[in-house]
PDB file of N, CA and C in Angstrom:
ATOM      1  N   UNK A   1       1.717  -0.358  -4.170  1.00  0.00           N
ATOM      2  CA  UNK A   1       1.463   0.103  -5.340  1.00  0.00           C
ATOM      3  C   UNK A   1       2.889   0.809  -5.818  1.00  0.00           C
ATOM      4  N   UNK A   2       2.853   1.467  -6.930  1.00  0.00           N
ATOM      5  CA  UNK A   2       4.059   2.320  -7.239  1.00  0.00           C
ATOM      6  C   UNK A   2       3.497   3.680  -7.561  1.00  0.00           C
ATOM      7  N   UNK A   3       4.526   4.535  -7.631  1.00  0.00           N
ATOM      8  CA  UNK A   3       4.416   6.150  -8.024  1.00  0.00           C
ATOM      9  C   UNK A   3       3.641   6.074  -9.431  1.00  0.00           C
ATOM     10  N   UNK A   4       2.827   7.208  -9.537  1.00  0.00           N
ATOM     11  CA  UNK A   4       2.054   7.309 -10.669  1.00  0.00           C
ATOM     12  C   UNK A   4       2.228   8.699 -11.117  1.00  0.00           C
ATOM     13  N   UNK A   5       2.904   8.932 -12.251  1.00  0.00           N
ATOM     14  CA  UNK A   5       3.489  10.181 -12.651  1.00  0.00           C
ATOM     15  C   UNK A   5       2.242  11.118 -12.988  1.00  0.00           C
ATOM     16  N   UNK A   6       1.091  10.535 -13.480  1.00  0.00           N
ATOM     17  CA  UNK A   6      -0.115  11.363 -13.908  1.00  0.00           C
ATOM     18  C   UNK A   6      -0.634  12.143 -12.680  1.00  0.00           C
ATOM     19  N   UNK A   7      -0.443  11.486 -11.534  1.00  0.00           N
ATOM     20  CA  UNK A   7      -0.918  12.174 -10.304  1.00  0.00           C
ATOM     21  C   UNK A   7      -0.019  13.286  -9.504  1.00  0.00           C
ATOM     22  N   UNK A   8       1.177  13.450 -10.276  1.00  0.00           N
ATOM     23  CA  UNK A   8       2.190  14.372  -9.683  1.00  0.00           C
ATOM     24  C   UNK A   8       2.142  15.630 -10.448  1.00  0.00           C
ATOM     25  N   UNK A   9       1.941  16.855  -9.832  1.00  0.00           N
ATOM     26  CA  UNK A   9       1.830  17.995 -10.589  1.00  0.00           C
ATOM     27  C   UNK A   9       2.520  19.236  -9.838  1.00  0.00           C
ATOM     28  N   UNK A  10       3.103  20.172 -10.541  1.00  0.00           N
ATOM     29  CA  UNK A  10       3.686  21.278  -9.799  1.00  0.00           C
ATOM     30  C   UNK A  10       2.540  22.253  -9.156  1.00  0.00           C
ATOM     31  N   UNK A  11       2.665  22.882  -8.230  1.00  0.00           N
ATOM     32  CA  UNK A  11       1.766  23.892  -7.709  1.00  0.00           C
ATOM     33  C   UNK A  11       2.281  25.225  -8.048  1.00  0.00           C
ATOM     34  N   UNK A  12       1.516  26.155  -8.665  1.00  0.00           N
ATOM     35  CA  UNK A  12       1.774  27.459  -9.038  1.00  0.00           C
ATOM     36  C   UNK A  12       2.869  27.582 -10.112  1.00  0.00           C
ATOM     37  N   UNK A  13       3.347  28.768 -10.361  1.00  0.00           N
ATOM     38  CA  UNK A  13       4.086  29.038 -11.466  1.00  0.00           C
ATOM     39  C   UNK A  13       5.574  28.593 -11.104  1.00  0.00           C
ATOM     40  N   UNK A  14       5.946  27.524 -11.940  1.00  0.00           N
ATOM     41  CA  UNK A  14       7.463  27.085 -11.650  1.00  0.00           C
ATOM     42  C   UNK A  14       8.161  26.946 -12.971  1.00  0.00           C
ATOM     43  N   UNK A  15       8.156  28.095 -13.704  1.00  0.00           N
ATOM     44  CA  UNK A  15       8.842  28.076 -14.855  1.00  0.00           C
ATOM     45  C   UNK A  15      10.360  27.971 -14.802  1.00  0.00           C
ATOM     46  N   UNK A  16      10.870  28.387 -13.684  1.00  0.00           N
ATOM     47  CA  UNK A  16      12.316  28.404 -13.441  1.00  0.00           C
ATOM     48  C   UNK A  16      12.675  28.100 -12.063  1.00  0.00           C
ATOM     49  N   UNK A  17      13.787  27.399 -11.564  1.00  0.00           N
ATOM     50  CA  UNK A  17      14.195  27.085 -10.388  1.00  0.00           C
ATOM     51  C   UNK A  17      14.999  28.376  -9.850  1.00  0.00           C
ATOM     52  N   UNK A  18      14.598  28.816  -8.694  1.00  0.00           N
ATOM     53  CA  UNK A  18      15.139  29.820  -7.994  1.00  0.00           C
ATOM     54  C   UNK A  18      15.817  29.226  -6.809  1.00  0.00           C
ATOM     55  N   UNK A  19      16.039  30.232  -5.784  1.00  0.00           N
ATOM     56  CA  UNK A  19      16.607  29.771  -4.554  1.00  0.00           C
ATOM     57  C   UNK A  19      15.521  29.121  -3.563  1.00  0.00           C
ATOM     58  N   UNK A  20      14.327  29.345  -3.957  1.00  0.00           N
ATOM     59  CA  UNK A  20      13.115  28.898  -3.097  1.00  0.00           C
ATOM     60  C   UNK A  20      12.738  27.457  -3.404  1.00  0.00           C
ATOM     61  N   UNK A  21      12.263  26.664  -2.552  1.00  0.00           N
ATOM     62  CA  UNK A  21      11.855  25.310  -2.814  1.00  0.00           C
ATOM     63  C   UNK A  21      10.620  25.276  -3.785  1.00  0.00           C
ATOM     64  N   UNK A  22      10.494  24.408  -4.738  1.00  0.00           N
ATOM     65  CA  UNK A  22       9.269  24.257  -5.460  1.00  0.00           C
ATOM     66  C   UNK A  22       8.370  23.353  -4.567  1.00  0.00           C
ATOM     67  N   UNK A  23       7.037  23.522  -4.960  1.00  0.00           N
ATOM     68  CA  UNK A  23       5.962  22.798  -4.356  1.00  0.00           C
ATOM     69  C   UNK A  23       5.267  21.903  -5.377  1.00  0.00           C
ATOM     70  N   UNK A  24       4.942  20.713  -4.906  1.00  0.00           N
ATOM     71  CA  UNK A  24       4.149  19.756  -5.930  1.00  0.00           C
ATOM     72  C   UNK A  24       3.044  19.169  -5.135  1.00  0.00           C
ATOM     73  N   UNK A  25       2.094  18.633  -5.940  1.00  0.00           N
ATOM     74  CA  UNK A  25       0.971  17.828  -5.256  1.00  0.00           C
ATOM     75  C   UNK A  25       1.052  16.467  -5.759  1.00  0.00           C
ATOM     76  N   UNK A  26       0.488  15.465  -5.015  1.00  0.00           N
ATOM     77  CA  UNK A  26       0.563  14.200  -5.432  1.00  0.00           C
ATOM     78  C   UNK A  26      -0.605  13.417  -4.860  1.00  0.00           C
ATOM     79  N   UNK A  27      -1.336  12.709  -5.496  1.00  0.00           N
ATOM     80  CA  UNK A  27      -2.513  11.753  -5.120  1.00  0.00           C
ATOM     81  C   UNK A  27      -2.195  10.484  -5.356  1.00  0.00           C
ATOM     82  N   UNK A  28      -2.454   9.579  -4.290  1.00  0.00           N
ATOM     83  CA  UNK A  28      -2.047   8.226  -4.355  1.00  0.00           C
ATOM     84  C   UNK A  28      -3.046   7.370  -3.503  1.00  0.00           C
ATOM     85  N   UNK A  29      -2.987   6.104  -3.692  1.00  0.00           N
ATOM     86  CA  UNK A  29      -3.626   5.045  -2.881  1.00  0.00           C
ATOM     87  C   UNK A  29      -2.595   4.385  -2.062  1.00  0.00           C
ATOM     88  N   UNK A  30      -1.474   4.918  -2.168  1.00  0.00           N
ATOM     89  CA  UNK A  30      -0.281   4.298  -1.332  1.00  0.00           C
ATOM     90  C   UNK A  30      -0.263   4.939   0.109  1.00  0.00           C
ATOM     91  N   UNK A  31       0.099   4.237   0.981  1.00  0.00           N
ATOM     92  CA  UNK A  31       0.106   4.708   2.537  1.00  0.00           C
ATOM     93  C   UNK A  31       1.278   5.718   2.533  1.00  0.00           C
ATOM     94  N   UNK A  32       1.221   6.491   3.672  1.00  0.00           N
ATOM     95  CA  UNK A  32       2.331   7.363   3.937  1.00  0.00           C
ATOM     96  C   UNK A  32       3.650   6.769   3.896  1.00  0.00           C
ATOM     97  N   UNK A  33       3.632   5.592   4.645  1.00  0.00           N
ATOM     98  CA  UNK A  33       4.816   4.768   4.781  1.00  0.00           C
ATOM     99  C   UNK A  33       5.406   4.333   3.551  1.00  0.00           C
ATOM    100  N   UNK A  34       4.677   3.947   2.620  1.00  0.00           N
ATOM    101  CA  UNK A  34       5.174   3.564   1.077  1.00  0.00           C
ATOM    102  C   UNK A  34       5.756   4.775   0.485  1.00  0.00           C
ATOM    103  N   UNK A  35       5.065   5.900   0.598  1.00  0.00           N
ATOM    104  CA  UNK A  35       5.546   7.179  -0.072  1.00  0.00           C
ATOM    105  C   UNK A  35       6.906   7.522   0.621  1.00  0.00           C
ATOM    106  N   UNK A  36       7.114   7.265   1.818  1.00  0.00           N
ATOM    107  CA  UNK A  36       8.382   7.750   2.473  1.00  0.00           C
ATOM    108  C   UNK A  36       9.547   6.897   1.942  1.00  0.00           C
ATOM    109  N   UNK A  37       9.244   5.748   1.531  1.00  0.00           N
ATOM    110  CA  UNK A  37      10.366   4.877   0.983  1.00  0.00           C
ATOM    111  C   UNK A  37      11.361   5.607   0.190  1.00  0.00           C
ATOM    112  N   UNK A  38      12.628   5.433   0.352  1.00  0.00           N
ATOM    113  CA  UNK A  38      13.780   5.943  -0.542  1.00  0.00           C
ATOM    114  C   UNK A  38      13.528   5.344  -1.952  1.00  0.00           C
ATOM    115  N   UNK A  39      13.453   6.300  -2.858  1.00  0.00           N
ATOM    116  CA  UNK A  39      13.346   5.735  -4.161  1.00  0.00           C
ATOM    117  C   UNK A  39      11.975   5.923  -4.939  1.00  0.00           C
ATOM    118  N   UNK A  40      11.024   6.134  -4.019  1.00  0.00           N
ATOM    119  CA  UNK A  40       9.694   6.205  -4.389  1.00  0.00           C
ATOM    120  C   UNK A  40       9.465   7.187  -5.422  1.00  0.00           C
ATOM    121  N   UNK A  41      10.065   8.356  -5.365  1.00  0.00           N
ATOM    122  CA  UNK A  41       9.934   9.434  -6.477  1.00  0.00           C
ATOM    123  C   UNK A  41      11.070   9.473  -7.440  1.00  0.00           C
ATOM    124  N   UNK A  42      11.619   8.433  -7.578  1.00  0.00           N
ATOM    125  CA  UNK A  42      12.882   8.497  -8.556  1.00  0.00           C
ATOM    126  C   UNK A  42      12.461   8.715 -10.013  1.00  0.00           C
ATOM    127  N   UNK A  43      11.247   8.355 -10.351  1.00  0.00           N
ATOM    128  CA  UNK A  43      10.630   8.674 -11.779  1.00  0.00           C
ATOM    129  C   UNK A  43      10.712  10.194 -12.060  1.00  0.00           C
ATOM    130  N   UNK A  44      10.684  11.019 -11.040  1.00  0.00           N
ATOM    131  CA  UNK A  44      10.638  12.416 -11.207  1.00  0.00           C
ATOM    132  C   UNK A  44      11.932  13.169 -10.684  1.00  0.00           C
ATOM    133  N   UNK A  45      12.935  12.338 -10.491  1.00  0.00           N
ATOM    134  CA  UNK A  45      14.154  12.809  -9.879  1.00  0.00           C
ATOM    135  C   UNK A  45      14.710  13.964 -10.546  1.00  0.00           C
ATOM    136  N   UNK A  46      14.522  14.357 -11.909  1.00  0.00           N
ATOM    137  CA  UNK A  46      15.031  15.352 -12.574  1.00  0.00           C
ATOM    138  C   UNK A  46      14.200  16.594 -12.321  1.00  0.00           C
ATOM    139  N   UNK A  47      12.954  16.547 -11.821  1.00  0.00           N
ATOM    140  CA  UNK A  47      12.229  17.668 -11.384  1.00  0.00           C
ATOM    141  C   UNK A  47      12.512  18.081  -9.889  1.00  0.00           C
ATOM    142  N   UNK A  48      12.939  17.287  -9.131  1.00  0.00           N
ATOM    143  CA  UNK A  48      13.084  17.508  -7.734  1.00  0.00           C
ATOM    144  C   UNK A  48      14.551  17.861  -7.249  1.00  0.00           C
ATOM    145  N   UNK A  49      14.581  18.793  -6.140  1.00  0.00           N
ATOM    146  CA  UNK A  49      15.805  19.262  -5.650  1.00  0.00           C
ATOM    147  C   UNK A  49      15.633  19.060  -4.044  1.00  0.00           C
ATOM    148  N   UNK A  50      16.732  18.989  -3.438  1.00  0.00           N
ATOM    149  CA  UNK A  50      16.714  19.008  -1.872  1.00  0.00           C
ATOM    150  C   UNK A  50      16.022  20.253  -1.436  1.00  0.00           C
ATOM    151  N   UNK A  51      15.065  20.126  -0.624  1.00  0.00           N
ATOM    152  CA  UNK A  51      14.310  21.175  -0.040  1.00  0.00           C
ATOM    153  C   UNK A  51      12.865  21.376  -0.633  1.00  0.00           C
ATOM    154  N   UNK A  52      12.677  20.703  -1.716  1.00  0.00           N
ATOM    155  CA  UNK A  52      11.353  20.719  -2.400  1.00  0.00           C
ATOM    156  C   UNK A  52      10.301  20.094  -1.496  1.00  0.00           C
ATOM    157  N   UNK A  53       9.037  20.595  -1.639  1.00  0.00           N
ATOM    158  CA  UNK A  53       7.866  20.121  -0.706  1.00  0.00           C
ATOM    159  C   UNK A  53       6.922  19.343  -1.597  1.00  0.00           C
ATOM    160  N   UNK A  54       6.594  18.166  -1.121  1.00  0.00           N
ATOM    161  CA  UNK A  54       5.512  17.389  -1.816  1.00  0.00           C
ATOM    162  C   UNK A  54       4.335  17.301  -0.852  1.00  0.00           C
ATOM    163  N   UNK A  55       3.106  17.860  -1.327  1.00  0.00           N
ATOM    164  CA  UNK A  55       1.963  17.642  -0.535  1.00  0.00           C
ATOM    165  C   UNK A  55       1.183  16.455  -1.092  1.00  0.00           C
ATOM    166  N   UNK A  56       1.041  15.396  -0.279  1.00  0.00           N
ATOM    167  CA  UNK A  56       0.503  14.050  -0.675  1.00  0.00           C
ATOM    168  C   UNK A  56      -1.005  13.980  -0.077  1.00  0.00           C
ATOM    169  N   UNK A  57      -1.886  13.388  -0.941  1.00  0.00           N
ATOM    170  CA  UNK A  57      -3.222  13.000  -0.479  1.00  0.00           C
ATOM    171  C   UNK A  57      -3.471  11.552  -0.847  1.00  0.00           C
ATOM    172  N   UNK A  58      -3.622  10.721   0.175  1.00  0.00           N
ATOM    173  CA  UNK A  58      -4.003   9.400  -0.045  1.00  0.00           C
ATOM    174  C   UNK A  58      -5.487   9.207   0.122  1.00  0.00           C
ATOM    175  N   UNK A  59      -5.857   8.454  -0.952  1.00  0.00           N
ATOM    176  CA  UNK A  59      -7.307   7.949  -1.100  1.00  0.00           C
ATOM    177  C   UNK A  59      -7.366   6.383  -0.893  1.00  0.00           C
ATOM    178  N   UNK A  60      -8.528   6.083  -0.669  1.00  0.00           N
ATOM    179  CA  UNK A  60      -8.783   4.564  -0.446  1.00  0.00           C
ATOM    180  C   UNK A  60     -10.173   4.445  -1.393  1.00  0.00           C
ATOM    181  N   UNK A  61     -10.146   3.573  -2.387  1.00  0.00           N
ATOM    182  CA  UNK A  61     -11.340   3.427  -3.214  1.00  0.00           C
ATOM    183  C   UNK A  61     -11.981   4.727  -3.661  1.00  0.00           C
ATOM    184  N   UNK A  62     -10.989   5.724  -3.806  1.00  0.00           N
ATOM    185  CA  UNK A  62     -11.602   7.025  -4.378  1.00  0.00           C
ATOM    186  C   UNK A  62     -12.114   7.977  -3.227  1.00  0.00           C
ATOM    187  N   UNK A  63     -12.224   7.623  -2.030  1.00  0.00           N
ATOM    188  CA  UNK A  63     -12.445   8.397  -0.829  1.00  0.00           C
ATOM    189  C   UNK A  63     -11.238   8.835  -0.191  1.00  0.00           C
ATOM    190  N   UNK A  64     -11.157  10.086   0.416  1.00  0.00           N
ATOM    191  CA  UNK A  64     -10.231  10.724   1.150  1.00  0.00           C
ATOM    192  C   UNK A  64      -9.759   9.746   2.375  1.00  0.00           C
ATOM    193  N   UNK A  65      -8.581   9.671   2.517  1.00  0.00           N
ATOM    194  CA  UNK A  65      -8.058   8.857   3.555  1.00  0.00           C
ATOM    195  C   UNK A  65      -7.137   9.726   4.632  1.00  0.00           C
ATOM    196  N   UNK A  66      -6.028  10.190   3.872  1.00  0.00           N
ATOM    197  CA  UNK A  66      -5.018  11.022   4.767  1.00  0.00           C
ATOM    198  C   UNK A  66      -4.327  11.963   3.954  1.00  0.00           C
ATOM    199  N   UNK A  67      -3.631  12.891   4.543  1.00  0.00           N
ATOM    200  CA  UNK A  67      -2.687  13.809   3.726  1.00  0.00           C
ATOM    201  C   UNK A  67      -1.565  14.127   4.681  1.00  0.00           C
ATOM    202  N   UNK A  68      -0.484  14.534   3.866  1.00  0.00           N
ATOM    203  CA  UNK A  68       0.604  14.895   4.643  1.00  0.00           C
ATOM    204  C   UNK A  68       1.605  15.619   3.796  1.00  0.00           C
ATOM    205  N   UNK A  69       2.640  16.241   4.370  1.00  0.00           N
ATOM    206  CA  UNK A  69       3.711  16.831   3.649  1.00  0.00           C
ATOM    207  C   UNK A  69       5.040  16.067   3.715  1.00  0.00           C
ATOM    208  N   UNK A  70       5.658  15.975   2.667  1.00  0.00           N
ATOM    209  CA  UNK A  70       7.156  15.444   2.538  1.00  0.00           C
ATOM    210  C   UNK A  70       8.040  16.296   2.067  1.00  0.00           C
ATOM    211  N   UNK A  71       9.246  16.442   2.431  1.00  0.00           N
ATOM    212  CA  UNK A  71      10.308  17.263   1.862  1.00  0.00           C
ATOM    213  C   UNK A  71      11.444  16.358   1.286  1.00  0.00           C
ATOM    214  N   UNK A  72      12.055  16.718   0.101  1.00  0.00           N
ATOM    215  CA  UNK A  72      13.280  16.148  -0.305  1.00  0.00           C
ATOM    216  C   UNK A  72      14.359  16.324   0.648  1.00  0.00           C
ATOM    217  N   UNK A  73      14.784  15.360   1.115  1.00  0.00           N
ATOM    218  CA  UNK A  73      16.075  15.532   2.107  1.00  0.00           C
ATOM    219  C   UNK A  73      17.403  15.003   1.360  1.00  0.00           C
ATOM    220  N   UNK A  74      17.228  14.266   0.363  1.00  0.00           N
ATOM    221  CA  UNK A  74      18.445  13.654  -0.299  1.00  0.00           C
ATOM    222  C   UNK A  74      18.274  13.466  -1.787  1.00  0.00           C
ATOM    223  N   UNK A  75      19.140  13.705  -2.658  1.00  0.00           N
ATOM    224  CA  UNK A  75      18.972  13.471  -4.028  1.00  0.00           C
ATOM    225  C   UNK A  75      20.471  13.076  -4.464  1.00  0.00           C
ATOM    226  N   UNK A  76      20.426  11.829  -5.016  1.00  0.00           N
ATOM    227  CA  UNK A  76      21.731  11.389  -5.618  1.00  0.00           C
ATOM    228  C   UNK A  76      21.617  11.381  -7.084  1.00  0.00           C
ATOM    229  N   UNK A  77      22.793  10.716  -7.599  1.00  0.00           N
ATOM    230  CA  UNK A  77      22.565  10.505  -9.236  1.00  0.00           C
ATOM    231  C   UNK A  77      21.498   9.455  -9.518  1.00  0.00           C
ATOM    232  N   UNK A  78      21.137   8.718  -8.490  1.00  0.00           N
ATOM    233  CA  UNK A  78      20.199   7.468  -8.847  1.00  0.00           C
ATOM    234  C   UNK A  78      19.000   7.506  -8.090  1.00  0.00           C
ATOM    235  N   UNK A  79      18.731   8.376  -6.920  1.00  0.00           N
ATOM    236  CA  UNK A  79      17.781   8.184  -6.053  1.00  0.00           C
ATOM    237  C   UNK A  79      17.350   9.461  -5.338  1.00  0.00           C
ATOM    238  N   UNK A  80      16.051   9.460  -4.979  1.00  0.00           N
ATOM    239  CA  UNK A  80      15.470  10.485  -4.235  1.00  0.00           C
ATOM    240  C   UNK A  80      14.863  10.114  -2.907  1.00  0.00           C
ATOM    241  N   UNK A  81      15.102  10.756  -1.824  1.00  0.00           N
ATOM    242  CA  UNK A  81      14.707  10.411  -0.547  1.00  0.00           C
ATOM    243  C   UNK A  81      13.963  11.521   0.047  1.00  0.00           C
ATOM    244  N   UNK A  82      12.712  11.289   0.609  1.00  0.00           N
ATOM    245  CA  UNK A  82      11.879  12.325   1.253  1.00  0.00           C
ATOM    246  C   UNK A  82      11.788  12.060   2.759  1.00  0.00           C
ATOM    247  N   UNK A  83      11.340  13.151   3.344  1.00  0.00           N
ATOM    248  CA  UNK A  83      11.147  12.927   4.820  1.00  0.00           C
ATOM    249  C   UNK A  83       9.991  12.034   5.082  1.00  0.00           C
ATOM    250  N   UNK A  84       9.839  11.532   6.347  1.00  0.00           N
ATOM    251  CA  UNK A  84       8.536  10.811   6.713  1.00  0.00           C
ATOM    252  C   UNK A  84       7.662  11.960   6.829  1.00  0.00           C
ATOM    253  N   UNK A  85       6.423  11.640   6.604  1.00  0.00           N
ATOM    254  CA  UNK A  85       5.283  12.551   6.477  1.00  0.00           C
ATOM    255  C   UNK A  85       4.967  13.450   7.697  1.00  0.00           C
ATOM    256  N   UNK A  86       4.750  14.577   7.463  1.00  0.00           N
ATOM    257  CA  UNK A  86       4.075  15.522   8.628  1.00  0.00           C
ATOM    258  C   UNK A  86       2.649  15.504   8.281  1.00  0.00           C
ATOM    259  N   UNK A  87       1.967  14.734   9.142  1.00  0.00           N
ATOM    260  CA  UNK A  87       0.425  14.589   8.822  1.00  0.00           C
ATOM    261  C   UNK A  87      -0.315  15.715   9.048  1.00  0.00           C
ATOM    262  N   UNK A  88      -1.309  15.832   8.129  1.00  0.00           N
ATOM    263  CA  UNK A  88      -2.234  16.941   8.375  1.00  0.00           C
ATOM    264  C   UNK A  88      -3.570  16.501   9.114  1.00  0.00           C
ATOM    265  N   UNK A  89      -4.146  17.460   9.858  1.00  0.00           N
ATOM    266  CA  UNK A  89      -5.259  17.208  10.562  1.00  0.00           C
ATOM    267  C   UNK A  89      -6.581  16.771   9.564  1.00  0.00           C
ATOM    268  N   UNK A  90      -7.175  15.719   9.951  1.00  0.00           N
ATOM    269  CA  UNK A  90      -8.218  15.066   9.105  1.00  0.00           C
ATOM    270  C   UNK A  90      -9.544  15.016   9.689  1.00  0.00           C
ATOM    271  N   UNK A  91      -9.810  16.039  10.591  1.00  0.00           N
ATOM    272  CA  UNK A  91     -11.222  16.067  11.165  1.00  0.00           C
ATOM    273  C   UNK A  91     -12.286  16.785  10.276  1.00  0.00           C
ATOM    274  N   UNK A  92     -13.461  16.316  10.270  1.00  0.00           N
ATOM    275  CA  UNK A  92     -14.416  16.829   9.440  1.00  0.00           C
ATOM    276  C   UNK A  92     -15.779  16.733  10.385  1.00  0.00           C
ATOM    277  N   UNK A  93     -16.053  18.026  10.806  1.00  0.00           N
ATOM    278  CA  UNK A  93     -17.088  18.109  11.870  1.00  0.00           C
ATOM    279  C   UNK A  93     -18.591  18.113  11.309  1.00  0.00           C
ATOM    280  N   UNK A  94     -18.688  18.491  10.053  1.00  0.00           N
ATOM    281  CA  UNK A  94     -19.967  18.544   9.433  1.00  0.00           C
ATOM    282  C   UNK A  94     -20.697  17.369   8.920  1.00  0.00           C
TER     283      UNK A  94
END
């Protein structure tokens, strides 16, 4: 699949960029490996800076699948690259 801008949202008040990283949430049916691909977030390149954090939730047929955190590690004039995911724990004991 491809990046879906409607599923990409800022977390908290981000009216201006300071020296701290911004945080974003993103929901997708794409695998972590697909999201990790350089250029995946190019559509929102203007919003992202090196060090920003993207919290990803992956669903499958509408059901929760996995989640993880990606950080922007490189941003050029044409492309954004994020880290491979740091996976979250997905245990549900109830």
